Amino acid sequence: MALTIDIKSPDGKKVGDVTLPSEIFDVQANVPLIHQVVVAQLAAARQGTAKTKTRGEVSGTGKKPFAQKGTGRARQGSVRAPCSVTVVSHMVQYLVSTINAPQRR
């Protein structure tokens, strides 16, 4: 059984009709498969160059910023330590987002 679709002009009048094969156009939509393909396409479109500096990559000296005792402040060993403001400890280094869509389903 074929599927017949009307062809309309920009004015909205019926100009003709076309017959579409039912084995292609008259099937149930596979929504989870469509979701997987959309997620894979969005992941492939991402730039993926997000990076944060580690303790060794932050500029600064190796000297202690202030004395260990007598200042009343919390002890600090380096300006480059993750507890300072300039370093993020557990962030992403390089974002790798490769999601493969299934080839046949």
PDB file of N, CA and C in Angstrom:
ATOM      1  N   MET A   1       0.848  -1.178   0.000  1.00  0.00           N
ATOM      2  CA  MET A   1       0.000   0.000   0.000  1.00  0.00           C
ATOM      3  C   MET A   1       0.890   1.236   0.000  1.00  0.00           C
ATOM      4  N   ALA A   2       0.667   2.135  -0.925  1.00  0.00           N
ATOM      5  CA  ALA A   2       1.484   3.335  -1.050  1.00  0.00           C
ATOM      6  C   ALA A   2       0.831   4.493  -0.309  1.00  0.00           C
ATOM      7  N   LEU A   3       1.649   5.462   0.025  1.00  0.00           N
ATOM      8  CA  LEU A   3       1.194   6.632   0.762  1.00  0.00           C
ATOM      9  C   LEU A   3       1.147   7.806  -0.216  1.00  0.00           C
ATOM     10  N   THR A   4      -0.004   8.481  -0.309  1.00  0.00           N
ATOM     11  CA  THR A   4      -0.174   9.578  -1.245  1.00  0.00           C
ATOM     12  C   THR A   4      -0.188  10.902  -0.481  1.00  0.00           C
ATOM     13  N   ILE A   5       0.650  11.849  -0.939  1.00  0.00           N
ATOM     14  CA  ILE A   5       0.797  13.151  -0.307  1.00  0.00           C
ATOM     15  C   ILE A   5       0.445  14.231  -1.324  1.00  0.00           C
ATOM     16  N   ASP A   6      -0.290  15.247  -0.874  1.00  0.00           N
ATOM     17  CA  ASP A   6      -0.643  16.362  -1.751  1.00  0.00           C
ATOM     18  C   ASP A   6       0.525  17.329  -1.852  1.00  0.00           C
ATOM     19  N   ILE A   7       0.742  17.878  -3.054  1.00  0.00           N
ATOM     20  CA  ILE A   7       1.727  18.929  -3.277  1.00  0.00           C
ATOM     21  C   ILE A   7       0.967  20.235  -3.391  1.00  0.00           C
ATOM     22  N   LYS A   8       1.368  21.220  -2.579  1.00  0.00           N
ATOM     23  CA  LYS A   8       0.668  22.499  -2.560  1.00  0.00           C
ATOM     24  C   LYS A   8       1.599  23.619  -2.998  1.00  0.00           C
ATOM     25  N   SER A   9       1.018  24.625  -3.615  1.00  0.00           N
ATOM     26  CA  SER A   9       1.767  25.798  -4.042  1.00  0.00           C
ATOM     27  C   SER A   9       1.948  26.745  -2.848  1.00  0.00           C
ATOM     28  N   PRO A  10       2.779  27.793  -2.993  1.00  0.00           N
ATOM     29  CA  PRO A  10       2.917  28.751  -1.891  1.00  0.00           C
ATOM     30  C   PRO A  10       1.603  29.444  -1.536  1.00  0.00           C
ATOM     31  N   ASP A  11       0.637  29.448  -2.455  1.00  0.00           N
ATOM     32  CA  ASP A  11      -0.669  30.035  -2.163  1.00  0.00           C
ATOM     33  C   ASP A  11      -1.549  29.119  -1.334  1.00  0.00           C
ATOM     34  N   GLY A  12      -1.166  27.843  -1.221  1.00  0.00           N
ATOM     35  CA  GLY A  12      -1.949  26.889  -0.459  1.00  0.00           C
ATOM     36  C   GLY A  12      -2.867  26.045  -1.313  1.00  0.00           C
ATOM     37  N   LYS A  13      -2.822  26.210  -2.644  1.00  0.00           N
ATOM     38  CA  LYS A  13      -3.680  25.427  -3.549  1.00  0.00           C
ATOM     39  C   LYS A  13      -2.991  24.115  -3.901  1.00  0.00           C
ATOM     40  N   LYS A  14      -3.778  23.090  -4.107  1.00  0.00           N
ATOM     41  CA  LYS A  14      -3.245  21.783  -4.467  1.00  0.00           C
ATOM     42  C   LYS A  14      -2.783  21.818  -5.918  1.00  0.00           C
ATOM     43  N   VAL A  15      -1.520  21.497  -6.130  1.00  0.00           N
ATOM     44  CA  VAL A  15      -0.939  21.501  -7.467  1.00  0.00           C
ATOM     45  C   VAL A  15      -0.878  20.087  -8.018  1.00  0.00           C
ATOM     46  N   GLY A  16      -0.612  19.122  -7.154  1.00  0.00           N
ATOM     47  CA  GLY A  16      -0.510  17.736  -7.589  1.00  0.00           C
ATOM     48  C   GLY A  16      -0.394  16.832  -6.384  1.00  0.00           C
ATOM     49  N   ASP A  17      -0.017  15.594  -6.639  1.00  0.00           N
ATOM     50  CA  ASP A  17       0.207  14.647  -5.557  1.00  0.00           C
ATOM     51  C   ASP A  17       1.363  13.737  -5.933  1.00  0.00           C
ATOM     52  N   VAL A  18       1.970  13.168  -4.910  1.00  0.00           N
ATOM     53  CA  VAL A  18       3.094  12.267  -5.107  1.00  0.00           C
ATOM     54  C   VAL A  18       2.837  11.002  -4.296  1.00  0.00           C
ATOM     55  N   THR A  19       3.264   9.884  -4.837  1.00  0.00           N
ATOM     56  CA  THR A  19       3.091   8.598  -4.176  1.00  0.00           C
ATOM     57  C   THR A  19       4.427   8.193  -3.554  1.00  0.00           C
ATOM     58  N   LEU A  20       4.418   7.938  -2.257  1.00  0.00           N
ATOM     59  CA  LEU A  20       5.621   7.557  -1.524  1.00  0.00           C
ATOM     60  C   LEU A  20       5.543   6.088  -1.141  1.00  0.00           C
ATOM     61  N   PRO A  21       6.660   5.360  -1.191  1.00  0.00           N
ATOM     62  CA  PRO A  21       6.630   3.945  -0.816  1.00  0.00           C
ATOM     63  C   PRO A  21       6.358   3.784   0.687  1.00  0.00           C
ATOM     64  N   SER A  22       5.457   2.890   1.012  1.00  0.00           N
ATOM     65  CA  SER A  22       5.036   2.737   2.411  1.00  0.00           C
ATOM     66  C   SER A  22       6.096   2.062   3.271  1.00  0.00           C
ATOM     67  N   GLU A  23       6.992   1.256   2.697  1.00  0.00           N
ATOM     68  CA  GLU A  23       8.010   0.596   3.505  1.00  0.00           C
ATOM     69  C   GLU A  23       9.057   1.581   4.034  1.00  0.00           C
ATOM     70  N   ILE A  24       9.102   2.782   3.458  1.00  0.00           N
ATOM     71  CA  ILE A  24      10.036   3.800   3.937  1.00  0.00           C
ATOM     72  C   ILE A  24       9.320   4.857   4.771  1.00  0.00           C
ATOM     73  N   PHE A  25       8.180   5.345   4.292  1.00  0.00           N
ATOM     74  CA  PHE A  25       7.539   6.503   4.904  1.00  0.00           C
ATOM     75  C   PHE A  25       6.370   6.164   5.820  1.00  0.00           C
ATOM     76  N   ASP A  26       5.925   4.934   5.870  1.00  0.00           N
ATOM     77  CA  ASP A  26       4.777   4.577   6.694  1.00  0.00           C
ATOM     78  C   ASP A  26       5.204   3.589   7.784  1.00  0.00           C
ATOM     79  N   VAL A  27       6.266   3.931   8.525  1.00  0.00           N
ATOM     80  CA  VAL A  27       6.761   3.072   9.595  1.00  0.00           C
ATOM     81  C   VAL A  27       6.729   3.841  10.913  1.00  0.00           C
ATOM     82  N   GLN A  28       6.829   3.107  12.004  1.00  0.00           N
ATOM     83  CA  GLN A  28       6.843   3.713  13.331  1.00  0.00           C
ATOM     84  C   GLN A  28       8.185   4.392  13.572  1.00  0.00           C
ATOM     85  N   ALA A  29       8.188   5.601  14.101  1.00  0.00           N
ATOM     86  CA  ALA A  29       9.422   6.335  14.376  1.00  0.00           C
ATOM     87  C   ALA A  29      10.129   5.738  15.588  1.00  0.00           C
ATOM     88  N   ASN A  30      11.432   5.542  15.476  1.00  0.00           N
ATOM     89  CA  ASN A  30      12.249   5.015  16.575  1.00  0.00           C
ATOM     90  C   ASN A  30      12.834   6.203  17.346  1.00  0.00           C
ATOM     91  N   VAL A  31      12.115   6.664  18.342  1.00  0.00           N
ATOM     92  CA  VAL A  31      12.485   7.878  19.077  1.00  0.00           C
ATOM     93  C   VAL A  31      13.814   7.729  19.816  1.00  0.00           C
ATOM     94  N   PRO A  32      14.119   6.608  20.489  1.00  0.00           N
ATOM     95  CA  PRO A  32      15.433   6.497  21.140  1.00  0.00           C
ATOM     96  C   PRO A  32      16.596   6.562  20.147  1.00  0.00           C
ATOM     97  N   LEU A  33      16.418   6.007  18.964  1.00  0.00           N
ATOM     98  CA  LEU A  33      17.470   6.073  17.954  1.00  0.00           C
ATOM     99  C   LEU A  33      17.669   7.499  17.462  1.00  0.00           C
ATOM    100  N   ILE A  34      16.595   8.235  17.272  1.00  0.00           N
ATOM    101  CA  ILE A  34      16.696   9.639  16.863  1.00  0.00           C
ATOM    102  C   ILE A  34      17.416  10.443  17.942  1.00  0.00           C
ATOM    103  N   HIS A  35      17.127  10.138  19.219  1.00  0.00           N
ATOM    104  CA  HIS A  35      17.792  10.826  20.329  1.00  0.00           C
ATOM    105  C   HIS A  35      19.283  10.538  20.327  1.00  0.00           C
ATOM    106  N   GLN A  36      19.682   9.294  20.094  1.00  0.00           N
ATOM    107  CA  GLN A  36      21.094   8.940  20.059  1.00  0.00           C
ATOM    108  C   GLN A  36      21.831   9.670  18.943  1.00  0.00           C
ATOM    109  N   VAL A  37      21.199   9.784  17.789  1.00  0.00           N
ATOM    110  CA  VAL A  37      21.829  10.461  16.656  1.00  0.00           C
ATOM    111  C   VAL A  37      21.974  11.955  16.940  1.00  0.00           C
ATOM    112  N   VAL A  38      20.956  12.567  17.537  1.00  0.00           N
ATOM    113  CA  VAL A  38      21.026  14.000  17.847  1.00  0.00           C
ATOM    114  C   VAL A  38      22.107  14.268  18.886  1.00  0.00           C
ATOM    115  N   VAL A  39      22.211  13.433  19.910  1.00  0.00           N
ATOM    116  CA  VAL A  39      23.237  13.606  20.936  1.00  0.00           C
ATOM    117  C   VAL A  39      24.631  13.443  20.331  1.00  0.00           C
ATOM    118  N   ALA A  40      24.795  12.486  19.420  1.00  0.00           N
ATOM    119  CA  ALA A  40      26.090  12.277  18.774  1.00  0.00           C
ATOM    120  C   ALA A  40      26.459  13.459  17.890  1.00  0.00           C
ATOM    121  N   GLN A  41      25.492  14.037  17.186  1.00  0.00           N
ATOM    122  CA  GLN A  41      25.781  15.187  16.337  1.00  0.00           C
ATOM    123  C   GLN A  41      26.139  16.415  17.171  1.00  0.00           C
ATOM    124  N   LEU A  42      25.451  16.633  18.286  1.00  0.00           N
ATOM    125  CA  LEU A  42      25.770  17.765  19.151  1.00  0.00           C
ATOM    126  C   LEU A  42      27.143  17.599  19.794  1.00  0.00           C
ATOM    127  N   ALA A  43      27.506  16.361  20.149  1.00  0.00           N
ATOM    128  CA  ALA A  43      28.815  16.113  20.737  1.00  0.00           C
ATOM    129  C   ALA A  43      29.919  16.330  19.715  1.00  0.00           C
ATOM    130  N   ALA A  44      29.671  15.979  18.468  1.00  0.00           N
ATOM    131  CA  ALA A  44      30.677  16.176  17.421  1.00  0.00           C
ATOM    132  C   ALA A  44      30.842  17.646  17.083  1.00  0.00           C
ATOM    133  N   ALA A  45      29.818  18.461  17.330  1.00  0.00           N
ATOM    134  CA  ALA A  45      29.895  19.882  17.001  1.00  0.00           C
ATOM    135  C   ALA A  45      30.604  20.690  18.074  1.00  0.00           C
ATOM    136  N   ARG A  46      30.835  20.110  19.255  1.00  0.00           N
ATOM    137  CA  ARG A  46      31.497  20.844  20.324  1.00  0.00           C
ATOM    138  C   ARG A  46      32.955  21.085  19.986  1.00  0.00           C
ATOM    139  N   GLN A  47      33.476  22.193  20.465  1.00  0.00           N
ATOM    140  CA  GLN A  47      34.861  22.539  20.179  1.00  0.00           C
ATOM    141  C   GLN A  47      35.820  21.664  20.982  1.00  0.00           C
ATOM    142  N   GLY A  48      35.563  21.458  22.239  1.00  0.00           N
ATOM    143  CA  GLY A  48      36.329  20.512  23.041  1.00  0.00           C
ATOM    144  C   GLY A  48      37.722  20.977  23.417  1.00  0.00           C
ATOM    145  N   THR A  49      37.945  22.283  23.593  1.00  0.00           N
ATOM    146  CA  THR A  49      39.275  22.755  23.946  1.00  0.00           C
ATOM    147  C   THR A  49      39.303  23.395  25.329  1.00  0.00           C
ATOM    148  N   ALA A  50      38.362  23.038  26.194  1.00  0.00           N
ATOM    149  CA  ALA A  50      38.344  23.594  27.542  1.00  0.00           C
ATOM    150  C   ALA A  50      39.500  23.011  28.336  1.00  0.00           C
ATOM    151  N   LYS A  51      40.261  23.867  28.987  1.00  0.00           N
ATOM    152  CA  LYS A  51      41.406  23.397  29.761  1.00  0.00           C
ATOM    153  C   LYS A  51      41.647  24.340  30.931  1.00  0.00           C
ATOM    154  N   THR A  52      42.005  23.764  32.066  1.00  0.00           N
ATOM    155  CA  THR A  52      42.384  24.556  33.231  1.00  0.00           C
ATOM    156  C   THR A  52      43.844  24.270  33.554  1.00  0.00           C
ATOM    157  N   LYS A  53      44.487  25.205  34.210  1.00  0.00           N
ATOM    158  CA  LYS A  53      45.899  25.047  34.545  1.00  0.00           C
ATOM    159  C   LYS A  53      46.051  24.189  35.788  1.00  0.00           C
ATOM    160  N   THR A  54      47.066  23.358  35.778  1.00  0.00           N
ATOM    161  CA  THR A  54      47.386  22.553  36.952  1.00  0.00           C
ATOM    162  C   THR A  54      48.360  23.335  37.828  1.00  0.00           C
ATOM    163  N   ARG A  55      48.773  22.725  38.901  1.00  0.00           N
ATOM    164  CA  ARG A  55      49.671  23.389  39.855  1.00  0.00           C
ATOM    165  C   ARG A  55      51.014  23.722  39.207  1.00  0.00           C
ATOM    166  N   GLY A  56      51.492  22.869  38.337  1.00  0.00           N
ATOM    167  CA  GLY A  56      52.777  23.109  37.700  1.00  0.00           C
ATOM    168  C   GLY A  56      52.727  24.116  36.574  1.00  0.00           C
ATOM    169  N   GLU A  57      51.558  24.388  36.026  1.00  0.00           N
ATOM    170  CA  GLU A  57      51.450  25.299  34.890  1.00  0.00           C
ATOM    171  C   GLU A  57      51.185  26.751  35.293  1.00  0.00           C
ATOM    172  N   VAL A  58      50.813  26.983  36.547  1.00  0.00           N
ATOM    173  CA  VAL A  58      50.518  28.333  36.998  1.00  0.00           C
ATOM    174  C   VAL A  58      51.825  29.071  37.208  1.00  0.00           C
ATOM    175  N   SER A  59      51.874  30.332  36.774  1.00  0.00           N
ATOM    176  CA  SER A  59      53.091  31.116  36.963  1.00  0.00           C
ATOM    177  C   SER A  59      53.216  31.519  38.426  1.00  0.00           C
ATOM    178  N   GLY A  60      54.421  31.549  38.900  1.00  0.00           N
ATOM    179  CA  GLY A  60      54.683  31.910  40.289  1.00  0.00           C
ATOM    180  C   GLY A  60      55.983  31.293  40.744  1.00  0.00           C
ATOM    181  N   THR A  61      56.450  31.714  41.875  1.00  0.00           N
ATOM    182  CA  THR A  61      57.726  31.244  42.389  1.00  0.00           C
ATOM    183  C   THR A  61      57.525  30.032  43.292  1.00  0.00           C
ATOM    184  N   GLY A  62      58.613  29.381  43.628  1.00  0.00           N
ATOM    185  CA  GLY A  62      58.548  28.237  44.529  1.00  0.00           C
ATOM    186  C   GLY A  62      58.729  28.627  45.984  1.00  0.00           C
ATOM    187  N   LYS A  63      58.935  29.901  46.254  1.00  0.00           N
ATOM    188  CA  LYS A  63      59.166  30.388  47.610  1.00  0.00           C
ATOM    189  C   LYS A  63      57.855  30.415  48.393  1.00  0.00           C
ATOM    190  N   LYS A  64      57.980  30.193  49.702  1.00  0.00           N
ATOM    191  CA  LYS A  64      56.793  30.318  50.549  1.00  0.00           C
ATOM    192  C   LYS A  64      56.297  31.756  50.526  1.00  0.00           C
ATOM    193  N   PRO A  65      54.981  31.961  50.418  1.00  0.00           N
ATOM    194  CA  PRO A  65      54.485  33.335  50.336  1.00  0.00           C
ATOM    195  C   PRO A  65      54.657  34.132  51.628  1.00  0.00           C
ATOM    196  N   PHE A  66      54.607  33.485  52.772  1.00  0.00           N
ATOM    197  CA  PHE A  66      54.827  34.152  54.050  1.00  0.00           C
ATOM    198  C   PHE A  66      55.265  33.105  55.055  1.00  0.00           C
ATOM    199  N   ALA A  67      55.652  33.549  56.224  1.00  0.00           N
ATOM    200  CA  ALA A  67      56.200  32.648  57.238  1.00  0.00           C
ATOM    201  C   ALA A  67      55.154  31.635  57.691  1.00  0.00           C
ATOM    202  N   GLN A  68      55.648  30.480  58.119  1.00  0.00           N
ATOM    203  CA  GLN A  68      54.752  29.410  58.554  1.00  0.00           C
ATOM    204  C   GLN A  68      54.015  29.796  59.839  1.00  0.00           C
ATOM    205  N   LYS A  69      54.724  30.454  60.743  1.00  0.00           N
ATOM    206  CA  LYS A  69      54.135  30.780  62.047  1.00  0.00           C
ATOM    207  C   LYS A  69      54.216  32.278  62.306  1.00  0.00           C
ATOM    208  N   GLY A  70      53.327  32.745  63.139  1.00  0.00           N
ATOM    209  CA  GLY A  70      53.394  34.114  63.612  1.00  0.00           C
ATOM    210  C   GLY A  70      52.567  35.119  62.828  1.00  0.00           C
ATOM    211  N   THR A  71      51.976  34.724  61.723  1.00  0.00           N
ATOM    212  CA  THR A  71      51.197  35.700  60.938  1.00  0.00           C
ATOM    213  C   THR A  71      49.721  35.645  61.273  1.00  0.00           C
ATOM    214  N   GLY A  72      49.249  34.541  61.831  1.00  0.00           N
ATOM    215  CA  GLY A  72      47.838  34.399  62.131  1.00  0.00           C
ATOM    216  C   GLY A  72      47.029  33.903  60.945  1.00  0.00           C
ATOM    217  N   ARG A  73      47.668  33.721  59.831  1.00  0.00           N
ATOM    218  CA  ARG A  73      46.974  33.239  58.636  1.00  0.00           C
ATOM    219  C   ARG A  73      47.163  31.739  58.495  1.00  0.00           C
ATOM    220  N   ALA A  74      46.380  31.134  57.619  1.00  0.00           N
ATOM    221  CA  ALA A  74      46.525  29.704  57.369  1.00  0.00           C
ATOM    222  C   ALA A  74      47.839  29.448  56.654  1.00  0.00           C
ATOM    223  N   ARG A  75      48.461  28.313  56.957  1.00  0.00           N
ATOM    224  CA  ARG A  75      49.774  28.040  56.383  1.00  0.00           C
ATOM    225  C   ARG A  75      49.656  27.782  54.881  1.00  0.00           C
ATOM    226  N   GLN A  76      50.566  28.348  54.144  1.00  0.00           N
ATOM    227  CA  GLN A  76      50.619  28.212  52.698  1.00  0.00           C
ATOM    228  C   GLN A  76      52.032  27.838  52.301  1.00  0.00           C
ATOM    229  N   GLY A  77      52.171  26.893  51.395  1.00  0.00           N
ATOM    230  CA  GLY A  77      53.498  26.488  50.951  1.00  0.00           C
ATOM    231  C   GLY A  77      53.847  27.046  49.593  1.00  0.00           C
ATOM    232  N   SER A  78      52.840  27.405  48.804  1.00  0.00           N
ATOM    233  CA  SER A  78      53.111  27.863  47.458  1.00  0.00           C
ATOM    234  C   SER A  78      51.952  28.730  46.973  1.00  0.00           C
ATOM    235  N   VAL A  79      52.278  29.655  46.091  1.00  0.00           N
ATOM    236  CA  VAL A  79      51.225  30.466  45.475  1.00  0.00           C
ATOM    237  C   VAL A  79      50.455  29.621  44.460  1.00  0.00           C
ATOM    238  N   ARG A  80      51.103  28.571  43.973  1.00  0.00           N
ATOM    239  CA  ARG A  80      50.509  27.744  42.935  1.00  0.00           C
ATOM    240  C   ARG A  80      49.653  26.604  43.478  1.00  0.00           C
ATOM    241  N   ALA A  81      49.459  26.533  44.769  1.00  0.00           N
ATOM    242  CA  ALA A  81      48.701  25.438  45.370  1.00  0.00           C
ATOM    243  C   ALA A  81      47.223  25.525  44.992  1.00  0.00           C
ATOM    244  N   PRO A  82      46.515  24.396  44.954  1.00  0.00           N
ATOM    245  CA  PRO A  82      45.098  24.404  44.587  1.00  0.00           C
ATOM    246  C   PRO A  82      44.215  25.174  45.561  1.00  0.00           C
ATOM    247  N   CYS A  83      44.686  25.394  46.797  1.00  0.00           N
ATOM    248  CA  CYS A  83      43.861  26.131  47.746  1.00  0.00           C
ATOM    249  C   CYS A  83      43.927  27.632  47.521  1.00  0.00           C
ATOM    250  N   SER A  84      44.836  28.084  46.642  1.00  0.00           N
ATOM    251  CA  SER A  84      44.845  29.504  46.296  1.00  0.00           C
ATOM    252  C   SER A  84      43.802  29.769  45.219  1.00  0.00           C
ATOM    253  N   VAL A  85      43.574  31.007  44.907  1.00  0.00           N
ATOM    254  CA  VAL A  85      42.494  31.383  43.993  1.00  0.00           C
ATOM    255  C   VAL A  85      42.843  31.075  42.547  1.00  0.00           C
ATOM    256  N   THR A  86      44.118  31.031  42.198  1.00  0.00           N
ATOM    257  CA  THR A  86      44.515  30.960  40.802  1.00  0.00           C
ATOM    258  C   THR A  86      44.473  29.572  40.202  1.00  0.00           C
ATOM    259  N   VAL A  87      44.346  28.528  40.996  1.00  0.00           N
ATOM    260  CA  VAL A  87      44.411  27.168  40.476  1.00  0.00           C
ATOM    261  C   VAL A  87      43.088  26.460  40.736  1.00  0.00           C
ATOM    262  N   VAL A  88      42.621  25.720  39.764  1.00  0.00           N
ATOM    263  CA  VAL A  88      41.437  24.892  39.921  1.00  0.00           C
ATOM    264  C   VAL A  88      41.916  23.454  40.004  1.00  0.00           C
ATOM    265  N   SER A  89      41.557  22.745  41.083  1.00  0.00           N
ATOM    266  CA  SER A  89      42.138  21.434  41.318  1.00  0.00           C
ATOM    267  C   SER A  89      41.573  20.337  40.433  1.00  0.00           C
ATOM    268  N   HIS A  90      40.290  20.191  40.415  1.00  0.00           N
ATOM    269  CA  HIS A  90      39.706  19.007  39.797  1.00  0.00           C
ATOM    270  C   HIS A  90      38.835  19.375  38.605  1.00  0.00           C
ATOM    271  N   MET A  91      39.343  20.202  37.722  1.00  0.00           N
ATOM    272  CA  MET A  91      38.570  20.563  36.538  1.00  0.00           C
ATOM    273  C   MET A  91      39.058  19.742  35.347  1.00  0.00           C
ATOM    274  N   VAL A  92      38.346  19.887  34.251  1.00  0.00           N
ATOM    275  CA  VAL A  92      38.648  19.117  33.049  1.00  0.00           C
ATOM    276  C   VAL A  92      39.937  19.632  32.416  1.00  0.00           C
ATOM    277  N   GLN A  93      40.743  18.726  31.888  1.00  0.00           N
ATOM    278  CA  GLN A  93      41.951  19.127  31.177  1.00  0.00           C
ATOM    279  C   GLN A  93      41.638  19.350  29.702  1.00  0.00           C
ATOM    280  N   TYR A  94      41.239  18.336  29.002  1.00  0.00           N
ATOM    281  CA  TYR A  94      40.773  18.488  27.630  1.00  0.00           C
ATOM    282  C   TYR A  94      39.477  17.726  27.509  1.00  0.00           C
ATOM    283  N   LEU A  95      38.478  18.356  26.940  1.00  0.00           N
ATOM    284  CA  LEU A  95      37.157  17.749  26.823  1.00  0.00           C
ATOM    285  C   LEU A  95      37.138  16.882  25.582  1.00  0.00           C
ATOM    286  N   VAL A  96      37.004  15.592  25.765  1.00  0.00           N
ATOM    287  CA  VAL A  96      36.917  14.668  24.649  1.00  0.00           C
ATOM    288  C   VAL A  96      35.492  14.152  24.621  1.00  0.00           C
ATOM    289  N   SER A  97      34.759  14.564  23.615  1.00  0.00           N
ATOM    290  CA  SER A  97      33.359  14.157  23.544  1.00  0.00           C
ATOM    291  C   SER A  97      33.112  13.487  22.208  1.00  0.00           C
ATOM    292  N   THR A  98      33.411  12.199  22.151  1.00  0.00           N
ATOM    293  CA  THR A  98      33.121  11.436  20.949  1.00  0.00           C
ATOM    294  C   THR A  98      32.066  10.404  21.305  1.00  0.00           C
ATOM    295  N   ILE A  99      30.906  10.583  20.758  1.00  0.00           N
ATOM    296  CA  ILE A  99      29.798   9.659  20.957  1.00  0.00           C
ATOM    297  C   ILE A  99      29.444   9.105  19.592  1.00  0.00           C
ATOM    298  N   ASN A 100      29.531   7.811  19.435  1.00  0.00           N
ATOM    299  CA  ASN A 100      29.242   7.206  18.148  1.00  0.00           C
ATOM    300  C   ASN A 100      27.798   6.771  18.087  1.00  0.00           C
ATOM    301  N   ALA A 101      27.122   7.175  17.016  1.00  0.00           N
ATOM    302  CA  ALA A 101      25.752   6.729  16.788  1.00  0.00           C
ATOM    303  C   ALA A 101      25.791   5.317  16.212  1.00  0.00           C
ATOM    304  N   PRO A 102      24.808   4.492  16.512  1.00  0.00           N
ATOM    305  CA  PRO A 102      24.790   3.150  15.941  1.00  0.00           C
ATOM    306  C   PRO A 102      24.635   3.216  14.418  1.00  0.00           C
ATOM    307  N   GLN A 103      25.347   2.322  13.728  1.00  0.00           N
ATOM    308  CA  GLN A 103      25.326   2.363  12.267  1.00  0.00           C
ATOM    309  C   GLN A 103      24.043   1.781  11.687  1.00  0.00           C
ATOM    310  N   ARG A 104      23.536   0.747  12.316  1.00  0.00           N
ATOM    311  CA  ARG A 104      22.324   0.118  11.786  1.00  0.00           C
ATOM    312  C   ARG A 104      21.489  -0.358  12.945  1.00  0.00           C
ATOM    313  N   ARG A 105      20.189  -0.059  12.886  1.00  0.00           N
ATOM    314  CA  ARG A 105      19.314  -0.491  13.971  1.00  0.00           C
ATOM    315  C   ARG A 105      17.935  -0.723  13.451  1.00  0.00           C
TER     316      ARG A 105
END
